PDB file of N, CA and C in Angstrom:
ATOM      1  N   MET A   1       0.831  -1.151   0.000  1.00  0.00           N
ATOM      2  CA  MET A   1       0.000   0.000   0.000  1.00  0.00           C
ATOM      3  C   MET A   1       0.889   1.231   0.000  1.00  0.00           C
ATOM      4  N   THR A   2       0.839   1.960  -1.055  1.00  0.00           N
ATOM      5  CA  THR A   2       1.632   3.173  -1.193  1.00  0.00           C
ATOM      6  C   THR A   2       0.724   4.367  -1.009  1.00  0.00           C
ATOM      7  N   THR A   3       1.271   5.335  -0.301  1.00  0.00           N
ATOM      8  CA  THR A   3       0.505   6.558  -0.086  1.00  0.00           C
ATOM      9  C   THR A   3       1.196   7.685  -0.815  1.00  0.00           C
ATOM     10  N   SER A   4       0.427   8.601  -1.237  1.00  0.00           N
ATOM     11  CA  SER A   4       0.993   9.739  -1.945  1.00  0.00           C
ATOM     12  C   SER A   4       1.705  10.649  -0.945  1.00  0.00           C
ATOM     13  N   PRO A   5       2.620  11.500  -1.435  1.00  0.00           N
ATOM     14  CA  PRO A   5       3.318  12.420  -0.520  1.00  0.00           C
ATOM     15  C   PRO A   5       2.339  13.318   0.219  1.00  0.00           C
ATOM     16  N   ASP A   6       1.259  13.726  -0.419  1.00  0.00           N
ATOM     17  CA  ASP A   6       0.264  14.560   0.254  1.00  0.00           C
ATOM     18  C   ASP A   6      -0.430  13.759   1.357  1.00  0.00           C
ATOM     19  N   GLY A   7      -0.759  12.535   1.084  1.00  0.00           N
ATOM     20  CA  GLY A   7      -1.401  11.663   2.057  1.00  0.00           C
ATOM     21  C   GLY A   7      -0.477  11.389   3.227  1.00  0.00           C
ATOM     22  N   GLN A   8       0.815  11.226   2.912  1.00  0.00           N
ATOM     23  CA  GLN A   8       1.828  10.967   3.951  1.00  0.00           C
ATOM     24  C   GLN A   8       1.927  12.191   4.869  1.00  0.00           C
ATOM     25  N   GLN A   9       1.976  13.372   4.308  1.00  0.00           N
ATOM     26  CA  GLN A   9       2.087  14.599   5.107  1.00  0.00           C
ATOM     27  C   GLN A   9       0.833  14.799   5.968  1.00  0.00           C
ATOM     28  N   GLU A  10      -0.291  14.511   5.390  1.00  0.00           N
ATOM     29  CA  GLU A  10      -1.545  14.631   6.116  1.00  0.00           C
ATOM     30  C   GLU A  10      -1.573  13.676   7.303  1.00  0.00           C
ATOM     31  N   LEU A  11      -1.101  12.449   7.058  1.00  0.00           N
ATOM     32  CA  LEU A  11      -1.059  11.443   8.107  1.00  0.00           C
ATOM     33  C   LEU A  11      -0.102  11.867   9.225  1.00  0.00           C
ATOM     34  N   GLU A  12       1.056  12.392   8.868  1.00  0.00           N
ATOM     35  CA  GLU A  12       2.033  12.862   9.865  1.00  0.00           C
ATOM     36  C   GLU A  12       1.473  14.043  10.671  1.00  0.00           C
ATOM     37  N   LYS A  13       0.767  14.918   9.978  1.00  0.00           N
ATOM     38  CA  LYS A  13       0.150  16.067  10.648  1.00  0.00           C
ATOM     39  C   LYS A  13      -0.905  15.593  11.652  1.00  0.00           C
ATOM     40  N   GLU A  14      -1.688  14.620  11.249  1.00  0.00           N
ATOM     41  CA  GLU A  14      -2.721  14.067  12.116  1.00  0.00           C
ATOM     42  C   GLU A  14      -2.094  13.381  13.337  1.00  0.00           C
ATOM     43  N   ILE A  15      -0.997  12.662  13.105  1.00  0.00           N
ATOM     44  CA  ILE A  15      -0.287  11.988  14.206  1.00  0.00           C
ATOM     45  C   ILE A  15       0.245  13.036  15.186  1.00  0.00           C
ATOM     46  N   GLU A  16       0.803  14.119  14.665  1.00  0.00           N
ATOM     47  CA  GLU A  16       1.348  15.187  15.524  1.00  0.00           C
ATOM     48  C   GLU A  16       0.236  15.829  16.358  1.00  0.00           C
ATOM     49  N   GLN A  17      -0.907  16.083  15.750  1.00  0.00           N
ATOM     50  CA  GLN A  17      -2.042  16.663  16.481  1.00  0.00           C
ATOM     51  C   GLN A  17      -2.527  15.709  17.569  1.00  0.00           C
ATOM     52  N   THR A  18      -2.551  14.427  17.253  1.00  0.00           N
ATOM     53  CA  THR A  18      -2.974  13.427  18.240  1.00  0.00           C
ATOM     54  C   THR A  18      -1.998  13.399  19.409  1.00  0.00           C
ATOM     55  N   ARG A  19      -0.709  13.485  19.107  1.00  0.00           N
ATOM     56  CA  ARG A  19       0.312  13.515  20.172  1.00  0.00           C
ATOM     57  C   ARG A  19       0.120  14.741  21.075  1.00  0.00           C
ATOM     58  N   GLU A  20      -0.149  15.891  20.477  1.00  0.00           N
ATOM     59  CA  GLU A  20      -0.353  17.118  21.261  1.00  0.00           C
ATOM     60  C   GLU A  20      -1.564  16.971  22.176  1.00  0.00           C
ATOM     61  N   ARG A  21      -2.663  16.467  21.611  1.00  0.00           N
ATOM     62  CA  ARG A  21      -3.875  16.270  22.421  1.00  0.00           C
ATOM     63  C   ARG A  21      -3.615  15.266  23.545  1.00  0.00           C
ATOM     64  N   LEU A  22      -2.872  14.209  23.216  1.00  0.00           N
ATOM     65  CA  LEU A  22      -2.537  13.201  24.215  1.00  0.00           C
ATOM     66  C   LEU A  22      -1.684  13.812  25.324  1.00  0.00           C
ATOM     67  N   GLY A  23      -0.732  14.658  24.932  1.00  0.00           N
ATOM     68  CA  GLY A  23       0.120  15.343  25.919  1.00  0.00           C
ATOM     69  C   GLY A  23      -0.706  16.247  26.828  1.00  0.00           C
ATOM     70  N   GLU A  24      -1.636  16.984  26.246  1.00  0.00           N
ATOM     71  CA  GLU A  24      -2.505  17.861  27.047  1.00  0.00           C
ATOM     72  C   GLU A  24      -3.373  17.037  27.999  1.00  0.00           C
ATOM     73  N   THR A  25      -3.862  15.916  27.511  1.00  0.00           N
ATOM     74  CA  THR A  25      -4.694  15.042  28.338  1.00  0.00           C
ATOM     75  C   THR A  25      -3.881  14.480  29.502  1.00  0.00           C
ATOM     76  N   VAL A  26      -2.654  14.066  29.220  1.00  0.00           N
ATOM     77  CA  VAL A  26      -1.777  13.536  30.278  1.00  0.00           C
ATOM     78  C   VAL A  26      -1.485  14.618  31.303  1.00  0.00           C
ATOM     79  N   GLU A  27      -1.221  15.844  30.861  1.00  0.00           N
ATOM     80  CA  GLU A  27      -0.963  16.950  31.795  1.00  0.00           C
ATOM     81  C   GLU A  27      -2.187  17.218  32.669  1.00  0.00           C
ATOM     82  N   ALA A  28      -3.370  17.202  32.068  1.00  0.00           N
ATOM     83  CA  ALA A  28      -4.598  17.431  32.828  1.00  0.00           C
ATOM     84  C   ALA A  28      -4.814  16.333  33.858  1.00  0.00           C
ATOM     85  N   LEU A  29      -4.570  15.087  33.471  1.00  0.00           N
ATOM     86  CA  LEU A  29      -4.714  13.971  34.408  1.00  0.00           C
ATOM     87  C   LEU A  29      -3.682  14.061  35.528  1.00  0.00           C
ATOM     88  N   ALA A  30      -2.473  14.457  35.192  1.00  0.00           N
ATOM     89  CA  ALA A  30      -1.424  14.599  36.209  1.00  0.00           C
ATOM     90  C   ALA A  30      -1.791  15.704  37.196  1.00  0.00           C
ATOM     91  N   ALA A  31      -2.361  16.802  36.697  1.00  0.00           N
ATOM     92  CA  ALA A  31      -2.766  17.901  37.581  1.00  0.00           C
ATOM     93  C   ALA A  31      -3.883  17.454  38.511  1.00  0.00           C
ATOM     94  N   LYS A  32      -4.815  16.652  37.987  1.00  0.00           N
ATOM     95  CA  LYS A  32      -5.905  16.153  38.832  1.00  0.00           C
ATOM     96  C   LYS A  32      -5.392  15.155  39.860  1.00  0.00           C
ATOM     97  N   ALA A  33      -4.379  14.422  39.507  1.00  0.00           N
ATOM     98  CA  ALA A  33      -3.834  13.412  40.412  1.00  0.00           C
ATOM     99  C   ALA A  33      -2.926  14.034  41.466  1.00  0.00           C
ATOM    100  N   ASP A  34      -2.443  15.258  41.247  1.00  0.00           N
ATOM    101  CA  ASP A  34      -1.528  15.923  42.192  1.00  0.00           C
ATOM    102  C   ASP A  34      -2.336  16.535  43.332  1.00  0.00           C
ATOM    103  N   VAL A  35      -2.647  15.705  44.310  1.00  0.00           N
ATOM    104  CA  VAL A  35      -3.477  16.118  45.431  1.00  0.00           C
ATOM    105  C   VAL A  35      -2.768  17.193  46.257  1.00  0.00           C
ATOM    106  N   LYS A  36      -1.473  17.067  46.424  1.00  0.00           N
ATOM    107  CA  LYS A  36      -0.715  18.037  47.225  1.00  0.00           C
ATOM    108  C   LYS A  36      -0.809  19.442  46.625  1.00  0.00           C
ATOM    109  N   ALA A  37      -0.661  19.546  45.314  1.00  0.00           N
ATOM    110  CA  ALA A  37      -0.747  20.853  44.653  1.00  0.00           C
ATOM    111  C   ALA A  37      -2.154  21.426  44.777  1.00  0.00           C
ATOM    112  N   GLN A  38      -3.166  20.568  44.632  1.00  0.00           N
ATOM    113  CA  GLN A  38      -4.540  21.033  44.776  1.00  0.00           C
ATOM    114  C   GLN A  38      -4.797  21.533  46.198  1.00  0.00           C
ATOM    115  N   ALA A  39      -4.279  20.794  47.178  1.00  0.00           N
ATOM    116  CA  ALA A  39      -4.469  21.187  48.576  1.00  0.00           C
ATOM    117  C   ALA A  39      -3.775  22.523  48.850  1.00  0.00           C
ATOM    118  N   GLN A  40      -2.579  22.701  48.299  1.00  0.00           N
ATOM    119  CA  GLN A  40      -1.858  23.962  48.493  1.00  0.00           C
ATOM    120  C   GLN A  40      -2.603  25.121  47.842  1.00  0.00           C
ATOM    121  N   GLU A  41      -3.177  24.893  46.679  1.00  0.00           N
ATOM    122  CA  GLU A  41      -3.938  25.947  46.008  1.00  0.00           C
ATOM    123  C   GLU A  41      -5.167  26.333  46.832  1.00  0.00           C
ATOM    124  N   LYS A  42      -5.891  25.318  47.322  1.00  0.00           N
ATOM    125  CA  LYS A  42      -7.065  25.585  48.158  1.00  0.00           C
ATOM    126  C   LYS A  42      -6.657  26.303  49.436  1.00  0.00           C
ATOM    127  N   LEU A  43      -5.530  25.894  50.014  1.00  0.00           N
ATOM    128  CA  LEU A  43      -5.038  26.530  51.233  1.00  0.00           C
ATOM    129  C   LEU A  43      -4.700  27.999  50.978  1.00  0.00           C
ATOM    130  N   GLY A  44      -4.087  28.271  49.842  1.00  0.00           N
ATOM    131  CA  GLY A  44      -3.771  29.657  49.485  1.00  0.00           C
ATOM    132  C   GLY A  44      -5.016  30.509  49.344  1.00  0.00           C
ATOM    133  N   GLN A  45      -6.036  29.945  48.689  1.00  0.00           N
ATOM    134  CA  GLN A  45      -7.295  30.671  48.516  1.00  0.00           C
ATOM    135  C   GLN A  45      -7.959  30.921  49.867  1.00  0.00           C
ATOM    136  N   LEU A  46      -7.982  29.897  50.709  1.00  0.00           N
ATOM    137  CA  LEU A  46      -8.600  30.023  52.027  1.00  0.00           C
ATOM    138  C   LEU A  46      -7.853  31.033  52.884  1.00  0.00           C
ATOM    139  N   THR A  47      -6.533  31.004  52.825  1.00  0.00           N
ATOM    140  CA  THR A  47      -5.718  31.949  53.595  1.00  0.00           C
ATOM    141  C   THR A  47      -6.005  33.379  53.164  1.00  0.00           C
ATOM    142  N   ALA A  48      -6.070  33.607  51.873  1.00  0.00           N
ATOM    143  CA  ALA A  48      -6.355  34.959  51.371  1.00  0.00           C
ATOM    144  C   ALA A  48      -7.732  35.424  51.832  1.00  0.00           C
ATOM    145  N   ARG A  49      -8.714  34.527  51.769  1.00  0.00           N
ATOM    146  CA  ARG A  49     -10.067  34.880  52.196  1.00  0.00           C
ATOM    147  C   ARG A  49     -10.111  35.183  53.692  1.00  0.00           C
ATOM    148  N   LEU A  50      -9.413  34.384  54.487  1.00  0.00           N
ATOM    149  CA  LEU A  50      -9.392  34.598  55.936  1.00  0.00           C
ATOM    150  C   LEU A  50      -8.672  35.897  56.303  1.00  0.00           C
ATOM    151  N   LYS A  51      -7.601  36.205  55.584  1.00  0.00           N
ATOM    152  CA  LYS A  51      -6.899  37.469  55.839  1.00  0.00           C
ATOM    153  C   LYS A  51      -7.809  38.655  55.554  1.00  0.00           C
ATOM    154  N   GLY A  52      -8.577  38.555  54.478  1.00  0.00           N
ATOM    155  CA  GLY A  52      -9.527  39.624  54.149  1.00  0.00           C
ATOM    156  C   GLY A  52     -10.577  39.783  55.234  1.00  0.00           C
ATOM    157  N   LYS A  53     -11.099  38.668  55.719  1.00  0.00           N
ATOM    158  CA  LYS A  53     -12.114  38.725  56.780  1.00  0.00           C
ATOM    159  C   LYS A  53     -11.515  39.255  58.078  1.00  0.00           C
ATOM    160  N   ALA A  54     -10.265  38.891  58.373  1.00  0.00           N
ATOM    161  CA  ALA A  54      -9.606  39.384  59.585  1.00  0.00           C
ATOM    162  C   ALA A  54      -9.409  40.896  59.507  1.00  0.00           C
ATOM    163  N   THR A  55      -9.010  41.390  58.355  1.00  0.00           N
ATOM    164  CA  THR A  55      -8.833  42.834  58.178  1.00  0.00           C
ATOM    165  C   THR A  55     -10.166  43.555  58.348  1.00  0.00           C
ATOM    166  N   GLU A  56     -11.206  42.978  57.782  1.00  0.00           N
ATOM    167  CA  GLU A  56     -12.546  43.566  57.902  1.00  0.00           C
ATOM    168  C   GLU A  56     -13.001  43.579  59.369  1.00  0.00           C
ATOM    169  N   ALA A  57     -12.764  42.481  60.072  1.00  0.00           N
ATOM    170  CA  ALA A  57     -13.160  42.393  61.482  1.00  0.00           C
ATOM    171  C   ALA A  57     -12.373  43.388  62.329  1.00  0.00           C
ATOM    172  N   LYS A  58     -11.104  43.551  62.008  1.00  0.00           N
ATOM    173  CA  LYS A  58     -10.273  44.507  62.746  1.00  0.00           C
ATOM    174  C   LYS A  58     -10.807  45.920  62.552  1.00  0.00           C
ATOM    175  N   GLY A  59     -11.180  46.247  61.326  1.00  0.00           N
ATOM    176  CA  GLY A  59     -11.744  47.574  61.049  1.00  0.00           C
ATOM    177  C   GLY A  59     -13.033  47.807  61.815  1.00  0.00           C
ATOM    178  N   LYS A  60     -13.896  46.780  61.837  1.00  0.00           N
ATOM    179  CA  LYS A  60     -15.155  46.909  62.574  1.00  0.00           C
ATOM    180  C   LYS A  60     -14.897  47.066  64.077  1.00  0.00           C
ATOM    181  N   ALA A  61     -13.941  46.311  64.597  1.00  0.00           N
ATOM    182  CA  ALA A  61     -13.626  46.402  66.023  1.00  0.00           C
ATOM    183  C   ALA A  61     -13.063  47.777  66.374  1.00  0.00           C
ATOM    184  N   THR A  62     -12.228  48.318  65.514  1.00  0.00           N
ATOM    185  CA  THR A  62     -11.662  49.650  65.740  1.00  0.00           C
ATOM    186  C   THR A  62     -12.763  50.697  65.750  1.00  0.00           C
ATOM    187  N   GLU A  63     -13.687  50.601  64.810  1.00  0.00           N
ATOM    188  CA  GLU A  63     -14.797  51.554  64.746  1.00  0.00           C
ATOM    189  C   GLU A  63     -15.694  51.426  65.967  1.00  0.00           C
ATOM    190  N   ALA A  64     -15.955  50.195  66.400  1.00  0.00           N
ATOM    191  CA  ALA A  64     -16.789  49.982  67.579  1.00  0.00           C
ATOM    192  C   ALA A  64     -16.119  50.560  68.827  1.00  0.00           C
ATOM    193  N   THR A  65     -14.815  50.382  68.931  1.00  0.00           N
ATOM    194  CA  THR A  65     -14.063  50.940  70.065  1.00  0.00           C
ATOM    195  C   THR A  65     -14.140  52.459  70.058  1.00  0.00           C
ATOM    196  N   ARG A  66     -13.991  53.051  68.884  1.00  0.00           N
ATOM    197  CA  ARG A  66     -14.063  54.515  68.777  1.00  0.00           C
ATOM    198  C   ARG A  66     -15.450  55.007  69.193  1.00  0.00           C
ATOM    199  N   GLN A  67     -16.486  54.319  68.749  1.00  0.00           N
ATOM    200  CA  GLN A  67     -17.852  54.705  69.105  1.00  0.00           C
ATOM    201  C   GLN A  67     -18.078  54.596  70.612  1.00  0.00           C
ATOM    202  N   LEU A  68     -17.551  53.520  71.212  1.00  0.00           N
ATOM    203  CA  LEU A  68     -17.712  53.353  72.658  1.00  0.00           C
ATOM    204  C   LEU A  68     -16.988  54.451  73.431  1.00  0.00           C
ATOM    205  N   ARG A  69     -15.809  54.836  72.959  1.00  0.00           N
ATOM    206  CA  ARG A  69     -15.065  55.911  73.632  1.00  0.00           C
ATOM    207  C   ARG A  69     -15.820  57.236  73.533  1.00  0.00           C
ATOM    208  N   LEU A  70     -16.368  57.516  72.351  1.00  0.00           N
ATOM    209  CA  LEU A  70     -17.144  58.746  72.177  1.00  0.00           C
ATOM    210  C   LEU A  70     -18.380  58.736  73.076  1.00  0.00           C
ATOM    211  N   GLN A  71     -19.029  57.600  73.138  1.00  0.00           N
ATOM    212  CA  GLN A  71     -20.220  57.482  73.968  1.00  0.00           C
ATOM    213  C   GLN A  71     -19.854  57.645  75.447  1.00  0.00           C
ATOM    214  N   ASP A  72     -18.715  57.080  75.842  1.00  0.00           N
ATOM    215  CA  ASP A  72     -18.263  57.204  77.233  1.00  0.00           C
ATOM    216  C   ASP A  72     -17.947  58.665  77.561  1.00  0.00           C
ATOM    217  N   LYS A  73     -17.279  59.359  76.645  1.00  0.00           N
ATOM    218  CA  LYS A  73     -16.967  60.779  76.869  1.00  0.00           C
ATOM    219  C   LYS A  73     -18.242  61.607  76.958  1.00  0.00           C
ATOM    220  N   ALA A  74     -19.214  61.290  76.112  1.00  0.00           N
ATOM    221  CA  ALA A  74     -20.488  62.013  76.148  1.00  0.00           C
ATOM    222  C   ALA A  74     -21.200  61.766  77.480  1.00  0.00           C
ATOM    223  N   ASN A  75     -21.169  60.533  77.945  1.00  0.00           N
ATOM    224  CA  ASN A  75     -21.795  60.225  79.239  1.00  0.00           C
ATOM    225  C   ASN A  75     -21.091  60.957  80.385  1.00  0.00           C
ATOM    226  N   GLN A  76     -19.756  61.032  80.319  1.00  0.00           N
ATOM    227  CA  GLN A  76     -19.005  61.754  81.355  1.00  0.00           C
ATOM    228  C   GLN A  76     -19.358  63.240  81.343  1.00  0.00           C
ATOM    229  N   ALA A  77     -19.427  63.825  80.152  1.00  0.00           N
ATOM    230  CA  ALA A  77     -19.771  65.243  80.048  1.00  0.00           C
ATOM    231  C   ALA A  77     -21.183  65.493  80.574  1.00  0.00           C
ATOM    232  N   LYS A  78     -22.094  64.608  80.250  1.00  0.00           N
ATOM    233  CA  LYS A  78     -23.471  64.737  80.729  1.00  0.00           C
ATOM    234  C   LYS A  78     -23.513  64.654  82.253  1.00  0.00           C
ATOM    235  N   GLN A  79     -22.756  63.719  82.804  1.00  0.00           N
ATOM    236  CA  GLN A  79     -22.712  63.556  84.264  1.00  0.00           C
ATOM    237  C   GLN A  79     -22.112  64.791  84.931  1.00  0.00           C
ATOM    238  N   GLN A  80     -21.059  65.345  84.357  1.00  0.00           N
ATOM    239  CA  GLN A  80     -20.437  66.548  84.920  1.00  0.00           C
ATOM    240  C   GLN A  80     -21.394  67.733  84.838  1.00  0.00           C
ATOM    241  N   ALA A  81     -22.116  67.859  83.738  1.00  0.00           N
ATOM    242  CA  ALA A  81     -23.079  68.953  83.606  1.00  0.00           C
ATOM    243  C   ALA A  81     -24.198  68.801  84.634  1.00  0.00           C
ATOM    244  N   THR A  82     -24.643  67.571  84.843  1.00  0.00           N
ATOM    245  CA  THR A  82     -25.685  67.314  85.839  1.00  0.00           C
ATOM    246  C   THR A  82     -25.191  67.685  87.235  1.00  0.00           C
ATOM    247  N   GLN A  83     -23.953  67.304  87.541  1.00  0.00           N
ATOM    248  CA  GLN A  83     -23.386  67.633  88.856  1.00  0.00           C
ATOM    249  C   GLN A  83     -23.229  69.140  89.020  1.00  0.00           C
ATOM    250  N   ALA A  84     -22.783  69.820  87.958  1.00  0.00           N
ATOM    251  CA  ALA A  84     -22.642  71.270  88.040  1.00  0.00           C
ATOM    252  C   ALA A  84     -24.010  71.919  88.257  1.00  0.00           C
ATOM    253  N   GLY A  85     -25.019  71.432  87.579  1.00  0.00           N
ATOM    254  CA  GLY A  85     -26.376  71.962  87.751  1.00  0.00           C
ATOM    255  C   GLY A  85     -26.876  71.743  89.168  1.00  0.00           C
ATOM    256  N   GLN A  86     -26.572  70.598  89.731  1.00  0.00           N
ATOM    257  CA  GLN A  86     -26.987  70.320  91.108  1.00  0.00           C
ATOM    258  C   GLN A  86     -26.268  71.255  92.092  1.00  0.00           C
ATOM    259  N   GLN A  87     -24.993  71.496  91.844  1.00  0.00           N
ATOM    260  CA  GLN A  87     -24.231  72.403  92.713  1.00  0.00           C
ATOM    261  C   GLN A  87     -24.789  73.825  92.651  1.00  0.00           C
ATOM    262  N   ILE A  88     -25.155  74.244  91.440  1.00  0.00           N
ATOM    263  CA  ILE A  88     -25.705  75.596  91.281  1.00  0.00           C
ATOM    264  C   ILE A  88     -27.057  75.701  91.977  1.00  0.00           C
ATOM    265  N   ARG A  89     -27.856  74.646  91.894  1.00  0.00           N
ATOM    266  CA  ARG A  89     -29.159  74.669  92.575  1.00  0.00           C
ATOM    267  C   ARG A  89     -28.992  74.690  94.094  1.00  0.00           C
ATOM    268  N   LYS A  90     -27.961  74.013  94.583  1.00  0.00           N
ATOM    269  CA  LYS A  90     -27.738  73.983  96.030  1.00  0.00           C
ATOM    270  C   LYS A  90     -27.263  75.343  96.547  1.00  0.00           C
ATOM    271  N   ARG A  91     -26.383  75.989  95.765  1.00  0.00           N
ATOM    272  CA  ARG A  91     -25.835  77.287  96.193  1.00  0.00           C
ATOM    273  C   ARG A  91     -25.902  78.265  95.032  1.00  0.00           C
ATOM    274  N   PRO A  92     -27.056  78.864  94.795  1.00  0.00           N
ATOM    275  CA  PRO A  92     -27.190  79.750  93.632  1.00  0.00           C
ATOM    276  C   PRO A  92     -26.436  81.071  93.791  1.00  0.00           C
ATOM    277  N   ILE A  93     -26.292  81.564  94.987  1.00  0.00           N
ATOM    278  CA  ILE A  93     -25.639  82.869  95.174  1.00  0.00           C
ATOM    279  C   ILE A  93     -24.158  82.805  94.803  1.00  0.00           C
ATOM    280  N   PRO A  94     -23.360  81.836  95.290  1.00  0.00           N
ATOM    281  CA  PRO A  94     -21.948  81.795  94.856  1.00  0.00           C
ATOM    282  C   PRO A  94     -21.817  81.594  93.338  1.00  0.00           C
ATOM    283  N   ALA A  95     -22.704  80.819  92.758  1.00  0.00           N
ATOM    284  CA  ALA A  95     -22.630  80.605  91.306  1.00  0.00           C
ATOM    285  C   ALA A  95     -22.933  81.900  90.566  1.00  0.00           C
ATOM    286  N   ALA A  96     -23.952  82.622  91.005  1.00  0.00           N
ATOM    287  CA  ALA A  96     -24.298  83.892  90.364  1.00  0.00           C
ATOM    288  C   ALA A  96     -23.174  84.903  90.551  1.00  0.00           C
ATOM    289  N   ALA A  97     -22.565  84.901  91.735  1.00  0.00           N
ATOM    290  CA  ALA A  97     -21.452  85.829  91.986  1.00  0.00           C
ATOM    291  C   ALA A  97     -20.273  85.508  91.072  1.00  0.00           C
ATOM    292  N   THR A  98     -20.005  84.221  90.885  1.00  0.00           N
ATOM    293  CA  THR A  98     -18.894  83.820  90.011  1.00  0.00           C
ATOM    294  C   THR A  98     -19.180  84.239  88.571  1.00  0.00           C
ATOM    295  N   VAL A  99     -20.386  84.003  88.110  1.00  0.00           N
ATOM    296  CA  VAL A  99     -20.758  84.397  86.744  1.00  0.00           C
ATOM    297  C   VAL A  99     -20.679  85.912  86.603  1.00  0.00           C
ATOM    298  N   GLY A 100     -21.147  86.640  87.599  1.00  0.00           N
ATOM    299  CA  GLY A 100     -21.086  88.104  87.559  1.00  0.00           C
ATOM    300  C   GLY A 100     -19.655  88.605  87.532  1.00  0.00           C
ATOM    301  N   LEU A 101     -18.781  87.981  88.333  1.00  0.00           N
ATOM    302  CA  LEU A 101     -17.371  88.383  88.370  1.00  0.00           C
ATOM    303  C   LEU A 101     -16.705  88.128  87.017  1.00  0.00           C
ATOM    304  N   ILE A 102     -16.984  86.976  86.439  1.00  0.00           N
ATOM    305  CA  ILE A 102     -16.398  86.666  85.120  1.00  0.00           C
ATOM    306  C   ILE A 102     -16.908  87.652  84.074  1.00  0.00           C
ATOM    307  N   GLY A 103     -18.187  87.977  84.114  1.00  0.00           N
ATOM    308  CA  GLY A 103     -18.751  88.951  83.177  1.00  0.00           C
ATOM    309  C   GLY A 103     -18.116  90.317  83.350  1.00  0.00           C
ATOM    310  N   ALA A 104     -17.911  90.732  84.595  1.00  0.00           N
ATOM    311  CA  ALA A 104     -17.286  92.035  84.862  1.00  0.00           C
ATOM    312  C   ALA A 104     -15.858  92.063  84.354  1.00  0.00           C
ATOM    313  N   LEU A 105     -15.121  90.983  84.549  1.00  0.00           N
ATOM    314  CA  LEU A 105     -13.738  90.929  84.058  1.00  0.00           C
ATOM    315  C   LEU A 105     -13.684  90.990  82.529  1.00  0.00           C
ATOM    316  N   VAL A 106     -14.579  90.284  81.867  1.00  0.00           N
ATOM    317  CA  VAL A 106     -14.622  90.322  80.401  1.00  0.00           C
ATOM    318  C   VAL A 106     -14.931  91.744  79.936  1.00  0.00           C
ATOM    319  N   LEU A 107     -15.899  92.387  80.564  1.00  0.00           N
ATOM    320  CA  LEU A 107     -16.257  93.755  80.212  1.00  0.00           C
ATOM    321  C   LEU A 107     -15.087  94.697  80.456  1.00  0.00           C
ATOM    322  N   PHE A 108     -14.420  94.552  81.588  1.00  0.00           N
ATOM    323  CA  PHE A 108     -13.280  95.400  81.950  1.00  0.00           C
ATOM    324  C   PHE A 108     -12.158  95.282  80.919  1.00  0.00           C
ATOM    325  N   PHE A 109     -11.793  94.050  80.570  1.00  0.00           N
ATOM    326  CA  PHE A 109     -10.704  93.873  79.610  1.00  0.00           C
ATOM    327  C   PHE A 109     -11.097  94.325  78.207  1.00  0.00           C
ATOM    328  N   THR A 110     -12.369  94.188  77.849  1.00  0.00           N
ATOM    329  CA  THR A 110     -12.843  94.667  76.545  1.00  0.00           C
ATOM    330  C   THR A 110     -12.729  96.181  76.475  1.00  0.00           C
ATOM    331  N   LEU A 111     -13.127  96.869  77.543  1.00  0.00           N
ATOM    332  CA  LEU A 111     -13.026  98.332  77.573  1.00  0.00           C
ATOM    333  C   LEU A 111     -11.576  98.790  77.527  1.00  0.00           C
ATOM    334  N   ILE A 112     -10.712  98.109  78.252  1.00  0.00           N
ATOM    335  CA  ILE A 112      -9.288  98.478  78.239  1.00  0.00           C
ATOM    336  C   ILE A 112      -8.720  98.324  76.832  1.00  0.00           C
ATOM    337  N   ARG A 113      -9.060  97.271  76.139  1.00  0.00           N
ATOM    338  CA  ARG A 113      -8.560  97.074  74.769  1.00  0.00           C
ATOM    339  C   ARG A 113      -9.049  98.188  73.849  1.00  0.00           C
ATOM    340  N   ARG A 114     -10.305  98.572  74.004  1.00  0.00           N
ATOM    341  CA  ARG A 114     -10.841  99.649  73.159  1.00  0.00           C
ATOM    342  C   ARG A 114     -10.133 100.966  73.451  1.00  0.00           C
ATOM    343  N   TRP A 115      -9.907 101.269  74.738  1.00  0.00           N
ATOM    344  CA  TRP A 115      -9.240 102.504  75.098  1.00  0.00           C
ATOM    345  C   TRP A 115      -7.796 102.547  74.588  1.00  0.00           C
ATOM    346  N   THR A 116      -7.118 101.403  74.656  1.00  0.00           N
ATOM    347  CA  THR A 116      -5.727 101.399  74.206  1.00  0.00           C
ATOM    348  C   THR A 116      -5.648 101.488  72.665  1.00  0.00           C
ATOM    349  N   ARG A 117      -6.625 101.038  71.972  1.00  0.00           N
ATOM    350  CA  ARG A 117      -6.639 101.153  70.506  1.00  0.00           C
ATOM    351  C   ARG A 117      -6.952 102.585  70.070  1.00  0.00           C
ATOM    352  N   ARG A 118      -7.750 103.291  70.852  1.00  0.00           N
ATOM    353  CA  ARG A 118      -8.074 104.690  70.487  1.00  0.00           C
ATOM    354  C   ARG A 118      -6.845 105.585  70.608  1.00  0.00           C
ATOM    355  N   ASP A 119      -6.006 105.255  71.603  1.00  0.00           N
ATOM    356  CA  ASP A 119      -4.831 106.098  71.851  1.00  0.00           C
ATOM    357  C   ASP A 119      -3.797 105.965  70.743  1.00  0.00           C
ATOM    358  N   LYS A 120      -3.822 104.933  70.003  1.00  0.00           N
ATOM    359  CA  LYS A 120      -2.788 104.707  68.960  1.00  0.00           C
ATOM    360  C   LYS A 120      -3.074 105.432  67.725  1.00  0.00           C
TER     361      LYS A 120
END
């Protein structure tokens, strides 16, 4: 059985294509059989996902801590204002005298500044 040169080339080309497909199939089977590599790939993906979740959780915890500190400061300020109000109710005359003295000092220094500016 003799084949023409064109038929021979076609046959060789077909054999080469079959070899390439066979090589790709063997590589795919080897990759599926490599359990260690698959496990490492899954581990890498899981690690990346966990790192992302840890970063997200850290951000949420930081924000929650900041909110709690602000709330604590607000509660302290409210408590101090309540205590100051109670003190003023207990002794209104010293509180009024203190407010009056501070007002007089502000007025005094304002007038002095105006007088010293006129002289210049």
